Amino acid sequence: MPKKHIVHGHKKPRTFIWVILIVIIIAAVLIGSTAAGVFESSSQKASKQEQAHNNNQKAAVINNGGVPTTSSDKGSTPSTPYTPPANNNGITITPRTSGNSVIIGTKLVGYSDGTCTLTATNGSKTNTQTADVIYAPNYSTCAGFSIPKATLGPGTWNLTLSVSSGGNTTSKSTTYGVVQ
């Protein structure tokens, strides 16, 4: 009579079950990793779309600047067009000395884009620089101005900042005393 291997008969199904379980676990991990990667890509894509929308709509989103805002539908056009301020009340010029240069800081309330032109004079000497408007939700700024003190020399500098935006140009002036 042939021998029965009961022990071997039970080990094969257990081994087979373990192999199947391991394959299922590996498949679950791979599917989970792939799904996480797809989710991350979708999230990144949504973030890029939101950033593009914000950049496209920046002209109508300035807070507390008197500029109209867009409707809540991201696909729509602004409910009213961007209009830069008609007066210079939103322009602030803040000169300061830093080493051998004068740094001119700016604050532009109500502006979302455009070009800044700074003209600095001291007697017969003149220095003119241009910079882009850098948008920020609360207020924008000019990209920055720095004038070496030796360019205009010591004395009272006359600073005039002109901001061109939306077809309008608005100017504001101030003076700043410079010592060599």
Protein backbone atom coordinates (compact mmCIF):
# COMPACT_ATOMS: atom_id res chain seq x y z
CA MET A 1 0.00 0.00 0.00
CA PRO A 2 1.40 3.44 -0.95
CA LYS A 3 2.47 5.88 1.76
CA LYS A 4 0.47 9.00 2.28
CA HIS A 5 2.31 12.20 2.94
CA ILE A 6 -0.22 14.12 4.90
CA VAL A 7 2.37 16.60 6.08
CA HIS A 8 3.41 17.37 2.52
CA GLY A 9 -0.20 17.67 1.39
CA HIS A 10 -0.84 20.48 3.93
CA LYS A 11 2.41 22.34 3.33
CA LYS A 12 1.81 22.86 -0.36
CA PRO A 13 -1.52 24.68 0.12
CA ARG A 14 -0.02 26.80 2.95
CA THR A 15 2.98 27.76 0.83
CA PHE A 16 0.67 28.55 -2.06
CA ILE A 17 -1.50 30.74 0.20
CA TRP A 18 1.57 32.61 1.48
CA VAL A 19 2.84 33.20 -2.03
CA ILE A 20 -0.58 34.52 -3.09
CA LEU A 21 -0.72 36.75 0.01
CA ILE A 22 2.73 38.17 -0.67
CA VAL A 23 1.81 38.83 -4.33
CA ILE A 24 -1.39 40.61 -3.20
CA ILE A 25 0.53 42.74 -0.69
CA ILE A 26 3.16 43.69 -3.27
CA ALA A 27 0.44 44.52 -5.79
CA ALA A 28 -1.38 46.66 -3.19
CA VAL A 29 1.82 48.55 -2.36
CA LEU A 30 2.57 49.15 -6.05
CA ILE A 31 -0.99 50.27 -6.78
CA GLY A 32 -0.92 52.52 -3.72
CA SER A 33 2.38 54.07 -4.82
CA THR A 34 1.08 54.62 -8.32
CA ALA A 35 -2.14 56.16 -7.01
CA ALA A 36 -0.17 58.45 -4.70
CA GLY A 37 1.97 59.53 -7.64
CA VAL A 38 -1.12 60.25 -9.74
CA PHE A 39 -2.67 62.19 -6.86
CA GLU A 40 0.51 64.19 -6.41
CA SER A 41 0.62 65.00 -10.11
CA SER A 42 -3.03 66.08 -10.08
CA SER A 43 -2.36 68.21 -7.02
CA GLN A 44 0.66 69.82 -8.68
CA LYS A 45 -1.36 70.42 -11.84
CA ALA A 46 -4.16 72.08 -9.83
CA SER A 47 -1.59 74.23 -8.03
CA LYS A 48 -0.05 75.35 -11.33
CA GLN A 49 -3.51 76.15 -12.73
CA GLU A 50 -4.32 78.18 -9.61
CA GLN A 51 -1.02 80.06 -9.89
CA ALA A 52 -1.64 80.79 -13.57
CA HIS A 53 -5.13 82.02 -12.75
CA ASN A 54 -3.80 84.29 -10.01
CA ASN A 55 -1.16 85.71 -12.33
CA ASN A 56 -3.73 86.32 -15.07
CA GLN A 57 -6.16 87.98 -12.70
CA LYS A 58 -3.72 90.00 -10.60
CA ALA A 59 -4.81 93.28 -12.12
CA ALA A 60 -8.18 93.03 -10.39
CA VAL A 61 -7.29 91.48 -7.05
CA ILE A 62 -5.47 94.18 -5.06
CA ASN A 63 -6.86 94.33 -1.52
CA ASN A 64 -7.59 97.74 -0.01
CA GLY A 65 -6.27 99.50 -3.07
CA GLY A 66 -9.53 100.67 -4.54
CA VAL A 67 -9.21 98.31 -7.48
CA PRO A 68 -12.26 96.19 -8.38
CA THR A 69 -12.09 92.44 -7.86
CA THR A 70 -13.09 89.60 -10.15
CA SER A 71 -16.18 87.45 -9.82
CA SER A 72 -15.75 84.17 -7.96
CA ASP A 73 -15.86 82.09 -11.18
CA LYS A 74 -12.23 81.43 -12.09
CA GLY A 75 -13.03 81.09 -15.76
CA SER A 76 -14.75 84.42 -16.09
CA THR A 77 -13.34 87.79 -16.94
CA PRO A 78 -13.13 90.50 -14.29
CA SER A 79 -16.46 92.05 -13.39
CA THR A 80 -14.90 95.48 -13.95
CA PRO A 81 -11.62 96.32 -15.68
CA TYR A 82 -8.49 97.38 -13.84
CA THR A 83 -8.08 101.12 -13.55
CA PRO A 84 -4.93 102.50 -11.92
CA PRO A 85 -5.32 105.38 -9.46
CA ALA A 86 -5.85 108.79 -11.02
CA ASN A 87 -3.94 110.63 -8.26
CA ASN A 88 -0.61 110.08 -6.55
CA ASN A 89 -2.00 109.36 -3.06
CA GLY A 90 -1.09 105.67 -3.41
CA ILE A 91 2.57 106.35 -4.18
CA THR A 92 5.10 106.39 -1.33
CA ILE A 93 8.82 107.10 -1.86
CA THR A 94 11.21 106.11 0.94
CA PRO A 95 14.87 106.99 0.31
CA ARG A 96 17.57 105.80 2.71
CA THR A 97 21.35 105.79 2.75
CA SER A 98 23.08 102.43 2.70
CA GLY A 99 26.86 102.64 2.63
CA ASN A 100 27.90 104.57 -0.47
CA SER A 101 24.47 104.39 -2.11
CA VAL A 102 20.98 105.79 -1.72
CA ILE A 103 18.30 103.10 -1.86
CA ILE A 104 14.86 104.31 -2.90
CA GLY A 105 12.05 102.11 -1.59
CA THR A 106 8.55 102.40 -3.03
CA LYS A 107 5.01 101.47 -2.04
CA LEU A 108 2.30 101.54 -4.71
CA VAL A 109 -1.26 101.11 -3.45
CA GLY A 110 -3.78 100.42 -6.21
CA TYR A 111 -1.28 99.36 -8.87
CA SER A 112 -0.96 95.83 -10.18
CA ASP A 113 1.44 96.26 -13.09
CA GLY A 114 3.33 98.84 -15.06
CA THR A 115 6.67 100.59 -15.16
CA CYS A 116 8.35 102.88 -12.62
CA THR A 117 10.68 105.65 -13.71
CA LEU A 118 12.79 107.37 -11.07
CA THR A 119 14.49 110.65 -11.90
CA ALA A 120 16.97 111.93 -9.30
CA THR A 121 18.57 115.36 -9.68
CA ASN A 122 21.07 117.37 -7.70
CA GLY A 123 21.90 120.69 -9.34
CA SER A 124 22.85 119.99 -12.95
CA LYS A 125 23.38 116.24 -12.41
CA THR A 126 20.57 113.82 -13.28
CA ASN A 127 20.13 110.06 -12.94
CA THR A 128 17.12 108.25 -14.46
CA GLN A 129 16.30 104.60 -13.89
CA THR A 130 13.34 102.39 -14.80
CA ALA A 131 12.01 99.25 -13.14
CA ASP A 132 8.95 97.04 -13.41
CA VAL A 133 6.10 97.19 -10.93
CA ILE A 134 6.16 94.08 -8.76
CA TYR A 135 2.64 93.03 -7.79
CA ALA A 136 1.65 92.05 -4.25
CA PRO A 137 -1.90 91.70 -2.88
CA ASN A 138 -1.73 94.52 -0.32
CA TYR A 139 0.49 96.89 -2.27
CA SER A 140 2.94 96.69 -5.13
CA THR A 141 6.49 98.05 -5.34
CA CYS A 142 8.96 99.09 -7.99
CA ALA A 143 11.61 96.42 -8.63
CA GLY A 144 14.15 98.65 -6.90
CA PHE A 145 16.38 101.64 -7.27
CA SER A 146 19.92 102.23 -6.00
CA ILE A 147 22.01 105.27 -6.84
CA PRO A 148 25.67 105.56 -5.83
CA LYS A 149 26.13 108.79 -3.83
CA ALA A 150 29.03 109.77 -6.09
CA THR A 151 26.68 109.84 -9.11
CA LEU A 152 24.88 113.01 -7.95
CA GLY A 153 27.15 114.10 -5.11
CA PRO A 154 26.21 115.55 -1.73
CA GLY A 155 23.30 117.95 -1.38
CA THR A 156 19.54 117.88 -1.59
CA TRP A 157 18.43 115.32 -4.14
CA ASN A 158 15.08 115.84 -5.88
CA LEU A 159 13.45 112.46 -6.46
CA THR A 160 10.50 112.06 -8.83
CA LEU A 161 8.82 108.68 -9.26
CA SER A 162 6.51 108.23 -12.25
CA VAL A 163 4.36 105.10 -12.45
CA SER A 164 2.92 104.17 -15.86
CA SER A 165 0.11 101.64 -15.67
CA GLY A 166 -3.08 100.99 -17.57
CA GLY A 167 -2.41 103.83 -19.99
CA ASN A 168 -1.99 106.41 -17.19
CA THR A 169 1.14 107.96 -15.73
CA THR A 170 1.13 109.32 -12.19
CA SER A 171 4.09 111.06 -10.53
CA LYS A 172 5.16 111.94 -7.01
CA SER A 173 8.22 113.89 -5.84
CA THR A 174 10.21 114.21 -2.64
CA THR A 175 13.62 115.50 -1.56
CA TYR A 176 16.42 113.73 0.30
CA GLY A 177 19.55 115.19 1.86
CA VAL A 178 22.75 113.33 1.01
CA VAL A 179 26.11 113.81 2.68
CA GLN A 180 29.25 112.40 1.15
